[in-house]
Amino acid sequence: MNAINLIIPYRYEGVWVFDDPRVGLDKEPFVSGADTVIDALVADIPDAEKGFRLLFSAAPFPGFTAKLEWRREEYGGNWYFSPDFTLEGWLCPALLKYFETAPREIYVKAEPRTRPPA
């Protein structure tokens, strides 16, 4: 498992989703507040709905812009709280494609794509 992971979320049918064929995910949606956290993360990224880079890790890394704190497990997923945005969101069991267990903290950075979508 990577120390820092990268996905490219984008809007599809009005919902934030991402694809990661490496781990078998296609249009995996962010729901139950995770979408609202993403809205806050990308507020200053032009055209984020067309795709943006989301780096995330269980450990702090240079340039991270927000931290998510684990709160509780529910329905096989995990609720996280963002003290940066005072928002809570649920991350589905797809989280375990990137971590062996749900981390106590997740550090994230949203940034514009460096090249146009394919």
C-alpha atoms as a PDB file:
ATOM      1  CA  MET A   1       0.000   0.000   0.000  1.00  0.00           C
ATOM      2  CA  ASN A   2       1.240   3.459  -0.898  1.00  0.00           C
ATOM      3  CA  ALA A   3       2.136   5.981   1.772  1.00  0.00           C
ATOM      4  CA  ILE A   4       0.436   8.696  -0.308  1.00  0.00           C
ATOM      5  CA  ASN A   5      -2.464   7.798  -2.576  1.00  0.00           C
ATOM      6  CA  LEU A   6      -3.808   9.706  -5.560  1.00  0.00           C
ATOM      7  CA  ILE A   7      -7.267   9.658  -7.092  1.00  0.00           C
ATOM      8  CA  ILE A   8      -8.941  11.989  -9.593  1.00  0.00           C
ATOM      9  CA  PRO A   9     -12.491  12.771  -8.411  1.00  0.00           C
ATOM     10  CA  TYR A  10     -14.935  14.415 -10.819  1.00  0.00           C
ATOM     11  CA  ARG A  11     -18.658  15.106 -11.024  1.00  0.00           C
ATOM     12  CA  TYR A  12     -20.828  12.545 -12.774  1.00  0.00           C
ATOM     13  CA  GLU A  13     -24.611  13.004 -12.895  1.00  0.00           C
ATOM     14  CA  GLY A  14     -24.230  15.654 -10.171  1.00  0.00           C
ATOM     15  CA  VAL A  15     -22.304  13.369  -7.780  1.00  0.00           C
ATOM     16  CA  TRP A  16     -18.608  13.388  -6.880  1.00  0.00           C
ATOM     17  CA  VAL A  17     -17.121  10.064  -8.041  1.00  0.00           C
ATOM     18  CA  PHE A  18     -13.727   8.594  -8.905  1.00  0.00           C
ATOM     19  CA  ASP A  19     -12.340   5.722 -10.925  1.00  0.00           C
ATOM     20  CA  ASP A  20      -9.377   3.611  -9.917  1.00  0.00           C
ATOM     21  CA  PRO A  21      -9.039   0.543 -12.165  1.00  0.00           C
ATOM     22  CA  ARG A  22      -5.934  -0.445 -10.170  1.00  0.00           C
ATOM     23  CA  VAL A  23      -8.206  -1.407  -7.242  1.00  0.00           C
ATOM     24  CA  GLY A  24     -11.339  -2.257  -9.234  1.00  0.00           C
ATOM     25  CA  LEU A  25     -13.378   0.925  -8.714  1.00  0.00           C
ATOM     26  CA  ASP A  26     -15.480   2.667 -11.370  1.00  0.00           C
ATOM     27  CA  LYS A  27     -17.542   5.784 -10.645  1.00  0.00           C
ATOM     28  CA  GLU A  28     -17.243   5.137  -6.897  1.00  0.00           C
ATOM     29  CA  PRO A  29     -19.426   7.855  -5.318  1.00  0.00           C
ATOM     30  CA  PHE A  30     -18.723  10.112  -2.369  1.00  0.00           C
ATOM     31  CA  VAL A  31     -21.957  10.340  -0.352  1.00  0.00           C
ATOM     32  CA  SER A  32     -23.318  11.143   3.112  1.00  0.00           C
ATOM     33  CA  GLY A  33     -21.369  14.316   3.736  1.00  0.00           C
ATOM     34  CA  ALA A  34     -18.110  13.255   2.051  1.00  0.00           C
ATOM     35  CA  ASP A  35     -19.402  15.120  -1.007  1.00  0.00           C
ATOM     36  CA  THR A  36     -19.828  18.271   1.078  1.00  0.00           C
ATOM     37  CA  VAL A  37     -16.265  17.943   2.401  1.00  0.00           C
ATOM     38  CA  ILE A  38     -15.067  17.721  -1.209  1.00  0.00           C
ATOM     39  CA  ASP A  39     -17.069  20.833  -2.100  1.00  0.00           C
ATOM     40  CA  ALA A  40     -15.168  22.685   0.646  1.00  0.00           C
ATOM     41  CA  LEU A  41     -11.796  21.233  -0.421  1.00  0.00           C
ATOM     42  CA  VAL A  42     -12.186  22.347  -4.037  1.00  0.00           C
ATOM     43  CA  ALA A  43     -13.860  25.728  -3.470  1.00  0.00           C
ATOM     44  CA  ASP A  44     -10.827  27.529  -4.946  1.00  0.00           C
ATOM     45  CA  ILE A  45     -10.027  25.058  -7.755  1.00  0.00           C
ATOM     46  CA  PRO A  46     -11.391  26.197 -11.123  1.00  0.00           C
ATOM     47  CA  ASP A  47     -13.342  23.539 -13.033  1.00  0.00           C
ATOM     48  CA  ALA A  48     -12.840  20.971 -10.245  1.00  0.00           C
ATOM     49  CA  GLU A  49     -16.013  19.203 -11.378  1.00  0.00           C
ATOM     50  CA  LYS A  50     -14.101  18.138 -14.522  1.00  0.00           C
ATOM     51  CA  GLY A  51     -11.539  16.412 -12.300  1.00  0.00           C
ATOM     52  CA  PHE A  52      -8.947  17.349  -9.703  1.00  0.00           C
ATOM     53  CA  ARG A  53      -6.061  15.611  -7.968  1.00  0.00           C
ATOM     54  CA  LEU A  54      -6.792  14.349  -4.455  1.00  0.00           C
ATOM     55  CA  LEU A  55      -3.762  13.150  -2.532  1.00  0.00           C
ATOM     56  CA  PHE A  56      -4.396  11.382   0.766  1.00  0.00           C
ATOM     57  CA  SER A  57      -2.419   9.553   3.424  1.00  0.00           C
ATOM     58  CA  ALA A  58      -2.704   8.234   6.970  1.00  0.00           C
ATOM     59  CA  ALA A  59       0.354  10.333   7.849  1.00  0.00           C
ATOM     60  CA  PRO A  60       0.975  14.048   7.417  1.00  0.00           C
ATOM     61  CA  PHE A  61       2.866  14.958   4.239  1.00  0.00           C
ATOM     62  CA  PRO A  62       4.314  18.248   2.968  1.00  0.00           C
ATOM     63  CA  GLY A  63       1.576  20.495   1.641  1.00  0.00           C
ATOM     64  CA  PHE A  64      -1.462  18.664   3.042  1.00  0.00           C
ATOM     65  CA  THR A  65      -4.343  21.113   3.367  1.00  0.00           C
ATOM     66  CA  ALA A  66      -6.872  19.325   5.570  1.00  0.00           C
ATOM     67  CA  LYS A  67      -7.077  16.579   8.151  1.00  0.00           C
ATOM     68  CA  LEU A  68      -9.952  14.161   8.691  1.00  0.00           C
ATOM     69  CA  GLU A  69     -10.390  12.581  12.132  1.00  0.00           C
ATOM     70  CA  TRP A  70     -12.012   9.166  12.572  1.00  0.00           C
ATOM     71  CA  ARG A  71     -15.241   9.237  14.571  1.00  0.00           C
ATOM     72  CA  ARG A  72     -17.045   5.897  14.240  1.00  0.00           C
ATOM     73  CA  GLU A  73     -17.816   2.883  12.038  1.00  0.00           C
ATOM     74  CA  GLU A  74     -21.235   2.445  10.447  1.00  0.00           C
ATOM     75  CA  TYR A  75     -22.576   0.164   7.696  1.00  0.00           C
ATOM     76  CA  GLY A  76     -19.095  -1.119   6.885  1.00  0.00           C
ATOM     77  CA  GLY A  77     -17.814   2.417   6.288  1.00  0.00           C
ATOM     78  CA  ASN A  78     -16.353   5.051   8.569  1.00  0.00           C
ATOM     79  CA  TRP A  79     -17.370   8.550   9.599  1.00  0.00           C
ATOM     80  CA  TYR A  80     -14.669  11.224   9.598  1.00  0.00           C
ATOM     81  CA  PHE A  81     -14.778  14.787  10.916  1.00  0.00           C
ATOM     82  CA  SER A  82     -12.933  17.697   9.306  1.00  0.00           C
ATOM     83  CA  PRO A  83     -11.957  20.274  11.929  1.00  0.00           C
ATOM     84  CA  ASP A  84     -10.790  22.511   9.053  1.00  0.00           C
ATOM     85  CA  PHE A  85     -14.329  22.754   7.649  1.00  0.00           C
ATOM     86  CA  THR A  86     -16.351  21.599  10.703  1.00  0.00           C
ATOM     87  CA  LEU A  87     -17.985  18.969   8.497  1.00  0.00           C
ATOM     88  CA  GLU A  88     -18.508  15.248   8.879  1.00  0.00           C
ATOM     89  CA  GLY A  89     -18.599  12.704   6.066  1.00  0.00           C
ATOM     90  CA  TRP A  90     -18.911   8.958   5.618  1.00  0.00           C
ATOM     91  CA  LEU A  91     -16.287   7.050   3.652  1.00  0.00           C
ATOM     92  CA  CYS A  92     -17.558   3.754   2.284  1.00  0.00           C
ATOM     93  CA  PRO A  93     -15.773   0.384   2.529  1.00  0.00           C
ATOM     94  CA  ALA A  94     -13.763   1.305  -0.610  1.00  0.00           C
ATOM     95  CA  LEU A  95     -11.493   3.098   1.895  1.00  0.00           C
ATOM     96  CA  LEU A  96     -10.073  -0.334   2.698  1.00  0.00           C
ATOM     97  CA  LYS A  97      -8.761  -0.622  -0.870  1.00  0.00           C
ATOM     98  CA  TYR A  98      -6.184   1.953   0.249  1.00  0.00           C
ATOM     99  CA  PHE A  99      -5.659   1.147   3.939  1.00  0.00           C
ATOM    100  CA  GLU A 100      -5.581  -2.175   5.813  1.00  0.00           C
ATOM    101  CA  THR A 101      -7.815  -0.670   8.498  1.00  0.00           C
ATOM    102  CA  ALA A 102      -9.572   2.679   8.762  1.00  0.00           C
ATOM    103  CA  PRO A 103      -6.902   5.182   9.814  1.00  0.00           C
ATOM    104  CA  ARG A 104      -7.414   7.384  12.859  1.00  0.00           C
ATOM    105  CA  GLU A 105      -6.523  10.392  10.715  1.00  0.00           C
ATOM    106  CA  ILE A 106      -6.444  11.030   6.976  1.00  0.00           C
ATOM    107  CA  TYR A 107      -4.449  13.932   5.593  1.00  0.00           C
ATOM    108  CA  VAL A 108      -5.566  15.315   2.233  1.00  0.00           C
ATOM    109  CA  LYS A 109      -4.610  17.802  -0.443  1.00  0.00           C
ATOM    110  CA  ALA A 110      -6.831  18.827  -3.353  1.00  0.00           C
ATOM    111  CA  GLU A 111      -5.140  20.476  -6.308  1.00  0.00           C
ATOM    112  CA  PRO A 112      -5.851  21.185  -9.975  1.00  0.00           C
ATOM    113  CA  ARG A 113      -5.039  18.538 -12.541  1.00  0.00           C
ATOM    114  CA  THR A 114      -1.712  19.017 -14.246  1.00  0.00           C
ATOM    115  CA  ARG A 115      -3.116  17.930 -17.614  1.00  0.00           C
ATOM    116  CA  PRO A 116      -6.557  17.901 -19.218  1.00  0.00           C
ATOM    117  CA  PRO A 117      -8.821  14.867 -18.761  1.00  0.00           C
ATOM    118  CA  ALA A 118      -8.367  12.105 -21.326  1.00  0.00           C
END
